[in-house]
Every structure is written in C-alpha cells, then in structure tokens.
Amino acid sequence: MTKVRVESSNWELIWECEVNSQKPLLPQLESNGIEIPNACRTGMCAACLCNAPAWDNNLNKSLRGEPAFPLWEWEIMTCIGWVVDTQETIILQTMT
C-alpha cells in the first residue's frame, strides 16, 4: 500500500491514508472520507483534478481524460489516475 497525503490549495493537510496501487484514486479517497471535488457522475470532466506539486513519478497518468482537456505534467484526474506501489508519501493538492 502507498500513502497519499491530500492537501488543500493553500497547503493545509486534509487527510493522509494508504491506497491500493491497482485502483483509481477517487473512489479510494472517497471511501476514506476524503472529499475531492468531482462531477464525474454528472458528466463534467476534470472537476476532480488535483496537482501533484512534486510532479510525482509515482502517479500513473496513462489515462489522460478528454482529448480536448490536456493536462500539465503536475496534474492528475483522480477518477482515472492511480499510484504506483511505493514507500514514499504522495502529495496531492486540491484545486479548491
């Protein structure tokens, strides 16, 4: 299991938890009580976008979302992104 640290846009700790490297981040964060803004289930793509301030190589971003919505290297859509198995803590920063 890999640890993920979720911070607000002003760097305040929201929550820290362990996640499975074989599953997308968003449902795992939600099951741990972490509220990441999202609208996936209403058809509004990219609402769950988070920054990975360190441009983390431990994030699997092979699924990039809508072609019309390109992501920067430090961004991840938590609904389709997940972590690789690592002993390092991965920091995600919400956009709100």
C-alpha atoms as a PDB file:
ATOM      1  CA  MET A   1       0.000   0.000   0.000  1.00  0.00           C
ATOM      2  CA  THR A   2       1.117   3.519  -0.793  1.00  0.00           C
ATOM      3  CA  LYS A   3       0.436   6.537   1.384  1.00  0.00           C
ATOM      4  CA  VAL A   4      -1.259   9.584  -0.150  1.00  0.00           C
ATOM      5  CA  ARG A   5      -1.323  12.968   1.559  1.00  0.00           C
ATOM      6  CA  VAL A   6      -4.114  15.262   0.380  1.00  0.00           C
ATOM      7  CA  GLU A   7      -3.662  18.979   0.929  1.00  0.00           C
ATOM      8  CA  SER A   8      -5.851  21.995   0.207  1.00  0.00           C
ATOM      9  CA  SER A   9      -4.869  24.593  -2.361  1.00  0.00           C
ATOM     10  CA  ASN A  10      -3.226  26.580   0.452  1.00  0.00           C
ATOM     11  CA  TRP A  11      -1.172  23.555   1.614  1.00  0.00           C
ATOM     12  CA  GLU A  12      -3.271  22.630   4.672  1.00  0.00           C
ATOM     13  CA  LEU A  13      -3.448  18.906   5.419  1.00  0.00           C
ATOM     14  CA  ILE A  14      -6.856  17.440   4.641  1.00  0.00           C
ATOM     15  CA  TRP A  15      -6.132  13.760   5.185  1.00  0.00           C
ATOM     16  CA  GLU A  16      -3.499  11.089   4.859  1.00  0.00           C
ATOM     17  CA  CYS A  17      -4.313   7.481   4.003  1.00  0.00           C
ATOM     18  CA  GLU A  18      -2.986   4.374   2.319  1.00  0.00           C
ATOM     19  CA  VAL A  19      -4.252   3.487  -1.144  1.00  0.00           C
ATOM     20  CA  ASN A  20      -4.148   0.460  -3.394  1.00  0.00           C
ATOM     21  CA  SER A  21      -1.867   0.921  -6.406  1.00  0.00           C
ATOM     22  CA  GLN A  22      -4.224  -1.166  -8.581  1.00  0.00           C
ATOM     23  CA  LYS A  23      -7.272   1.105  -8.344  1.00  0.00           C
ATOM     24  CA  PRO A  24      -8.154   4.686  -9.344  1.00  0.00           C
ATOM     25  CA  LEU A  25      -7.619   7.251  -6.605  1.00  0.00           C
ATOM     26  CA  LEU A  26     -11.026   8.958  -6.428  1.00  0.00           C
ATOM     27  CA  PRO A  27     -13.132   6.038  -5.106  1.00  0.00           C
ATOM     28  CA  GLN A  28     -10.389   5.124  -2.636  1.00  0.00           C
ATOM     29  CA  LEU A  29     -10.158   8.662  -1.308  1.00  0.00           C
ATOM     30  CA  GLU A  30     -13.940   8.847  -1.025  1.00  0.00           C
ATOM     31  CA  SER A  31     -14.073   5.560   0.900  1.00  0.00           C
ATOM     32  CA  ASN A  32     -11.607   7.083   3.376  1.00  0.00           C
ATOM     33  CA  GLY A  33     -13.875  10.096   3.893  1.00  0.00           C
ATOM     34  CA  ILE A  34     -11.789  12.451   1.757  1.00  0.00           C
ATOM     35  CA  GLU A  35     -13.936  14.758  -0.333  1.00  0.00           C
ATOM     36  CA  ILE A  36     -12.298  15.639  -3.633  1.00  0.00           C
ATOM     37  CA  PRO A  37     -14.499  17.923  -5.718  1.00  0.00           C
ATOM     38  CA  ASN A  38     -15.800  15.926  -8.670  1.00  0.00           C
ATOM     39  CA  ALA A  39     -18.606  15.863 -11.143  1.00  0.00           C
ATOM     40  CA  CYS A  40     -17.700  12.667 -12.978  1.00  0.00           C
ATOM     41  CA  ARG A  41     -21.064  11.190 -12.350  1.00  0.00           C
ATOM     42  CA  THR A  42     -22.776  14.244 -13.835  1.00  0.00           C
ATOM     43  CA  GLY A  43     -20.678  14.484 -16.997  1.00  0.00           C
ATOM     44  CA  MET A  44     -18.454  17.413 -16.038  1.00  0.00           C
ATOM     45  CA  CYS A  45     -14.957  16.170 -16.735  1.00  0.00           C
ATOM     46  CA  ALA A  46     -11.935  17.394 -14.759  1.00  0.00           C
ATOM     47  CA  ALA A  47     -13.747  18.524 -11.621  1.00  0.00           C
ATOM     48  CA  CYS A  48     -11.649  16.017  -9.615  1.00  0.00           C
ATOM     49  CA  LEU A  49      -8.349  17.438 -10.868  1.00  0.00           C
ATOM     50  CA  CYS A  50      -5.540  17.662  -8.324  1.00  0.00           C
ATOM     51  CA  ASN A  51      -1.982  18.934  -8.506  1.00  0.00           C
ATOM     52  CA  ALA A  52       0.981  16.742  -7.654  1.00  0.00           C
ATOM     53  CA  PRO A  53       3.351  19.559  -6.616  1.00  0.00           C
ATOM     54  CA  ALA A  54       6.488  17.447  -6.943  1.00  0.00           C
ATOM     55  CA  TRP A  55       5.487  16.252 -10.445  1.00  0.00           C
ATOM     56  CA  ASP A  56       5.420  12.869  -8.820  1.00  0.00           C
ATOM     57  CA  ASN A  57       6.743   9.933 -10.859  1.00  0.00           C
ATOM     58  CA  ASN A  58       4.767   7.628  -8.565  1.00  0.00           C
ATOM     59  CA  LEU A  59       1.492   8.588 -10.235  1.00  0.00           C
ATOM     60  CA  ASN A  60       0.159   6.574 -13.147  1.00  0.00           C
ATOM     61  CA  LYS A  61      -1.457   9.014 -15.527  1.00  0.00           C
ATOM     62  CA  SER A  62      -1.629   6.835 -18.619  1.00  0.00           C
ATOM     63  CA  LEU A  63      -5.339   7.638 -18.926  1.00  0.00           C
ATOM     64  CA  ARG A  64      -5.427  11.336 -19.691  1.00  0.00           C
ATOM     65  CA  GLY A  65      -9.142  12.132 -19.857  1.00  0.00           C
ATOM     66  CA  GLU A  66     -10.802  14.093 -22.624  1.00  0.00           C
ATOM     67  CA  PRO A  67      -8.546  14.917 -25.622  1.00  0.00           C
ATOM     68  CA  ALA A  68      -9.891  18.476 -25.569  1.00  0.00           C
ATOM     69  CA  PHE A  69      -8.701  18.857 -21.985  1.00  0.00           C
ATOM     70  CA  PRO A  70      -4.909  18.409 -21.893  1.00  0.00           C
ATOM     71  CA  LEU A  71      -3.231  18.025 -18.507  1.00  0.00           C
ATOM     72  CA  TRP A  72       0.046  19.522 -17.360  1.00  0.00           C
ATOM     73  CA  GLU A  73       2.682  17.102 -16.049  1.00  0.00           C
ATOM     74  CA  TRP A  74       1.844  18.061 -12.437  1.00  0.00           C
ATOM     75  CA  GLU A  75      -1.911  17.465 -12.797  1.00  0.00           C
ATOM     76  CA  ILE A  76      -3.865  14.254 -12.266  1.00  0.00           C
ATOM     77  CA  MET A  77      -7.519  13.445 -12.640  1.00  0.00           C
ATOM     78  CA  THR A  78      -8.213  11.273  -9.589  1.00  0.00           C
ATOM     79  CA  CYS A  79     -11.131   9.469 -11.234  1.00  0.00           C
ATOM     80  CA  ILE A  80      -8.804   7.770 -13.757  1.00  0.00           C
ATOM     81  CA  GLY A  81      -5.362   8.161 -12.164  1.00  0.00           C
ATOM     82  CA  TRP A  82      -3.741   5.951  -9.588  1.00  0.00           C
ATOM     83  CA  VAL A  83      -0.441   5.487  -7.777  1.00  0.00           C
ATOM     84  CA  VAL A  84       2.357   3.064  -8.429  1.00  0.00           C
ATOM     85  CA  ASP A  85       3.440   0.950  -5.489  1.00  0.00           C
ATOM     86  CA  THR A  86       5.986   2.954  -3.498  1.00  0.00           C
ATOM     87  CA  GLN A  87       7.176   3.523   0.040  1.00  0.00           C
ATOM     88  CA  GLU A  88       7.089   7.285  -0.491  1.00  0.00           C
ATOM     89  CA  THR A  89       4.199   9.510   0.556  1.00  0.00           C
ATOM     90  CA  ILE A  90       2.493  11.028  -2.467  1.00  0.00           C
ATOM     91  CA  ILE A  91       1.169  14.568  -2.041  1.00  0.00           C
ATOM     92  CA  LEU A  92      -1.958  15.669  -3.887  1.00  0.00           C
ATOM     93  CA  GLN A  93      -3.193  19.245  -3.716  1.00  0.00           C
ATOM     94  CA  THR A  94      -6.848  20.001  -4.369  1.00  0.00           C
ATOM     95  CA  MET A  95      -7.761  22.840  -6.672  1.00  0.00           C
ATOM     96  CA  THR A  96     -10.126  24.417  -4.144  1.00  0.00           C
END
